[in-house]
Amino acid sequence: MPRASRPHTPAIDLVARRAYAAEGGTSGVLTPELEAFCQSGISVIVAVCRPAEAPVAGLACGCVILPAGRMRLLLPRAGNEELLAMVERGAGIAVTFSQPVTHRSIQVKGSRGVVAAPDEEDRREVLRQSQGMRRELIEVGYPTAFAEAYCMIDPDIIVAVDFTLDAAFVQTPGPGAGAELKS
């Protein structure tokens, strides 16, 4: 991937999380700014794993923040069947959100996942967030035709995975990468 035109650093997210907590922010896993980041139309890579089983990874095309500290991932069913089966068997979930323009990345980890049917709002979100990722890819220099093909999604083939957010970590390359984003 090309060099970020607006590079981000792990320290930016770590300082912002501490400042949010100092200002009386809630004790949730994600700040409102990080919730917006995750829903902004960026790369979403999901992985699941159960003890003594090999991890399974897949691509999601968006997410929606739900009440009570939960997140809804939106992904195509096709190609993610094994991942979905592992979620149904209680696998832990890790999701990495990365913004191509800045290389800003965070990872959330969660539990108690369930596979659910998406609603019409979810389908609209998939289209909106896929177009956001398309714009990101074009901005960092990928050809428009590639970005359009990579981000093409039929909202009628998506499935939802709802899970409880347990922790978040900064994954942006640089000193501090891997640190937990907590109060």
Protein backbone atom coordinates (compact mmCIF):
# COMPACT_ATOMS: atom_id res chain seq x y z
CA MET A 1 0.00 0.00 0.00
CA PRO A 2 1.31 3.48 -0.75
CA ARG A 3 2.69 5.74 1.92
CA ALA A 4 -0.06 7.50 3.89
CA SER A 5 -0.70 11.02 2.67
CA ARG A 6 -1.87 12.02 6.17
CA PRO A 7 0.00 9.68 8.54
CA HIS A 8 -1.47 8.91 11.95
CA THR A 9 0.45 7.71 15.01
CA PRO A 10 -0.49 5.42 17.91
CA ALA A 11 0.16 8.28 20.35
CA ILE A 12 -2.70 10.32 18.88
CA ASP A 13 -5.28 7.66 19.81
CA LEU A 14 -3.72 6.91 23.19
CA VAL A 15 -3.69 10.60 24.21
CA ALA A 16 -7.25 11.10 22.90
CA ARG A 17 -8.54 8.11 24.92
CA ARG A 18 -6.94 9.39 28.13
CA ALA A 19 -8.30 12.91 27.51
CA TYR A 20 -11.79 11.52 26.91
CA ALA A 21 -11.68 9.65 30.23
CA ALA A 22 -10.30 12.72 32.06
CA GLU A 23 -13.23 14.79 30.75
CA GLY A 24 -15.69 12.34 32.28
CA GLY A 25 -16.25 10.15 29.23
CA THR A 26 -18.12 6.92 29.77
CA SER A 27 -16.31 3.73 30.57
CA GLY A 28 -17.30 2.03 27.30
CA VAL A 29 -14.69 0.31 25.16
CA LEU A 30 -14.89 2.89 22.35
CA THR A 31 -15.12 6.65 22.56
CA PRO A 32 -17.73 8.35 20.35
CA GLU A 33 -14.90 9.41 18.02
CA LEU A 34 -13.68 5.80 17.68
CA GLU A 35 -17.24 4.61 17.09
CA ALA A 36 -17.49 7.11 14.21
CA PHE A 37 -14.10 5.98 12.88
CA CYS A 38 -15.20 2.32 12.80
CA GLN A 39 -18.39 3.27 10.91
CA SER A 40 -16.71 5.70 8.50
CA GLY A 41 -16.14 3.40 5.52
CA ILE A 42 -12.69 1.88 5.94
CA SER A 43 -11.04 -1.55 5.75
CA VAL A 44 -12.65 -4.10 8.10
CA ILE A 45 -10.86 -7.40 8.66
CA VAL A 46 -12.41 -9.90 11.04
CA ALA A 47 -10.92 -13.01 12.61
CA VAL A 48 -12.37 -15.63 14.91
CA CYS A 49 -10.76 -18.36 16.93
CA ARG A 50 -11.69 -21.05 19.42
CA PRO A 51 -9.23 -22.73 21.76
CA ALA A 52 -7.17 -25.40 19.96
CA GLU A 53 -8.56 -24.37 16.56
CA ALA A 54 -6.84 -22.47 13.79
CA PRO A 55 -8.04 -18.88 13.36
CA VAL A 56 -10.28 -18.00 10.44
CA ALA A 57 -10.18 -14.54 8.85
CA GLY A 58 -12.53 -12.73 6.53
CA LEU A 59 -13.46 -9.33 5.18
CA ALA A 60 -16.41 -7.34 6.45
CA CYS A 61 -17.87 -4.37 4.61
CA GLY A 62 -18.99 -2.29 7.55
CA CYS A 63 -20.24 -2.14 11.09
CA VAL A 64 -22.89 -0.50 13.22
CA ILE A 65 -22.45 0.41 16.86
CA LEU A 66 -25.30 -1.05 18.91
CA PRO A 67 -26.51 -0.13 22.40
CA ALA A 68 -25.14 -1.77 25.55
CA GLY A 69 -21.53 -2.05 24.36
CA ARG A 70 -22.23 -4.21 21.32
CA MET A 71 -21.17 -3.98 17.68
CA ARG A 72 -22.80 -5.36 14.54
CA LEU A 73 -20.44 -6.46 11.78
CA LEU A 74 -21.85 -6.59 8.28
CA LEU A 75 -20.26 -9.06 5.89
CA PRO A 76 -21.12 -11.16 2.87
CA ARG A 77 -22.22 -14.68 3.79
CA ALA A 78 -20.45 -16.14 0.74
CA GLY A 79 -16.81 -16.77 1.53
CA ASN A 80 -17.35 -16.35 5.28
CA GLU A 81 -19.25 -19.57 6.00
CA GLU A 82 -16.51 -21.10 8.18
CA LEU A 83 -16.08 -17.85 10.10
CA LEU A 84 -19.84 -17.64 10.73
CA ALA A 85 -19.96 -21.27 11.87
CA MET A 86 -17.18 -20.58 14.39
CA VAL A 87 -19.07 -17.52 15.70
CA GLU A 88 -22.11 -19.74 16.22
CA ARG A 89 -19.90 -22.15 18.20
CA GLY A 90 -18.78 -19.35 20.53
CA ALA A 91 -15.49 -18.25 18.98
CA GLY A 92 -13.85 -15.04 20.17
CA ILE A 93 -13.88 -12.19 17.66
CA ALA A 94 -11.16 -9.71 16.69
CA VAL A 95 -11.84 -6.95 14.17
CA THR A 96 -9.25 -4.56 12.76
CA PHE A 97 -10.38 -1.25 11.27
CA SER A 98 -7.79 0.50 9.06
CA GLN A 99 -7.96 3.76 7.16
CA PRO A 100 -5.81 3.64 4.00
CA VAL A 101 -5.22 7.41 3.81
CA THR A 102 -3.68 7.62 7.31
CA HIS A 103 -2.83 3.98 8.13
CA ARG A 104 -4.75 4.61 11.37
CA SER A 105 -5.81 1.25 12.71
CA ILE A 106 -7.59 -0.03 15.77
CA GLN A 107 -8.55 -3.52 16.77
CA VAL A 108 -11.53 -4.50 18.87
CA LYS A 109 -11.95 -7.84 20.57
CA GLY A 110 -15.26 -9.27 21.55
CA SER A 111 -17.27 -12.20 22.73
CA ARG A 112 -20.79 -13.59 22.83
CA GLY A 113 -21.23 -13.28 19.07
CA VAL A 114 -24.42 -14.24 17.33
CA VAL A 115 -25.21 -14.42 13.63
CA ALA A 116 -28.26 -12.28 12.84
CA ALA A 117 -30.33 -11.13 9.89
CA PRO A 118 -29.52 -7.59 8.73
CA ASP A 119 -32.27 -5.00 8.45
CA GLU A 120 -32.81 -2.28 5.85
CA GLU A 121 -30.70 0.25 7.80
CA ASP A 122 -27.83 -2.28 7.81
CA ARG A 123 -28.11 -2.65 4.04
CA ARG A 124 -27.95 1.13 3.60
CA GLU A 125 -24.92 1.27 5.90
CA VAL A 126 -23.13 -1.41 3.86
CA LEU A 127 -23.55 0.66 0.72
CA ARG A 128 -22.48 3.91 2.43
CA GLN A 129 -19.45 2.38 4.12
CA SER A 130 -18.38 0.51 0.97
CA GLN A 131 -18.39 3.82 -0.91
CA GLY A 132 -16.25 5.33 1.86
CA MET A 133 -13.68 2.56 1.40
CA ARG A 134 -13.81 3.09 -2.37
CA ARG A 135 -12.96 6.79 -1.89
CA GLU A 136 -10.11 5.88 0.48
CA LEU A 137 -8.57 3.49 -2.05
CA ILE A 138 -8.79 6.05 -4.87
CA GLU A 139 -7.26 8.74 -2.65
CA VAL A 140 -4.20 6.59 -1.96
CA GLY A 141 -3.69 5.94 -5.66
CA TYR A 142 -5.52 2.76 -6.59
CA PRO A 143 -7.21 2.90 -10.00
CA THR A 144 -10.91 3.75 -9.86
CA ALA A 145 -11.87 0.50 -11.61
CA PHE A 146 -9.97 -1.54 -9.00
CA ALA A 147 -11.52 0.40 -6.09
CA GLU A 148 -15.01 -0.02 -7.53
CA ALA A 149 -14.55 -3.76 -8.08
CA TYR A 150 -12.98 -4.30 -4.63
CA CYS A 151 -15.79 -2.42 -2.86
CA MET A 152 -18.71 -3.75 -4.89
CA ILE A 153 -21.26 -5.36 -2.60
CA ASP A 154 -24.79 -6.60 -3.04
CA PRO A 155 -26.56 -5.55 0.17
CA ASP A 156 -28.97 -8.46 -0.21
CA ILE A 157 -26.22 -11.05 0.45
CA ILE A 158 -24.93 -9.67 3.73
CA VAL A 159 -25.29 -11.18 7.16
CA ALA A 160 -24.79 -9.56 10.55
CA VAL A 161 -22.64 -10.67 13.45
CA ASP A 162 -23.54 -9.00 16.73
CA PHE A 163 -21.04 -9.23 19.57
CA THR A 164 -20.07 -7.63 22.87
CA LEU A 165 -17.08 -5.29 22.79
CA ASP A 166 -14.55 -6.39 25.41
CA ALA A 167 -11.42 -4.36 24.57
CA ALA A 168 -9.84 -2.08 21.97
CA PHE A 169 -6.20 -1.70 20.95
CA VAL A 170 -4.32 0.82 18.84
CA GLN A 171 -2.81 -0.93 15.80
CA THR A 172 -1.47 2.03 13.83
CA PRO A 173 2.17 1.31 12.97
CA GLY A 174 4.67 3.04 15.24
CA PRO A 175 5.73 3.27 18.88
CA GLY A 176 2.78 2.33 21.07
CA ALA A 177 1.15 -0.03 18.56
CA GLY A 178 -0.62 -2.82 20.39
CA ALA A 179 -1.44 -0.74 23.47
CA GLU A 180 -4.91 -1.13 24.89
CA LEU A 181 -7.20 1.87 24.47
CA LYS A 182 -8.63 2.19 27.96
CA SER A 183 -9.27 4.86 30.55
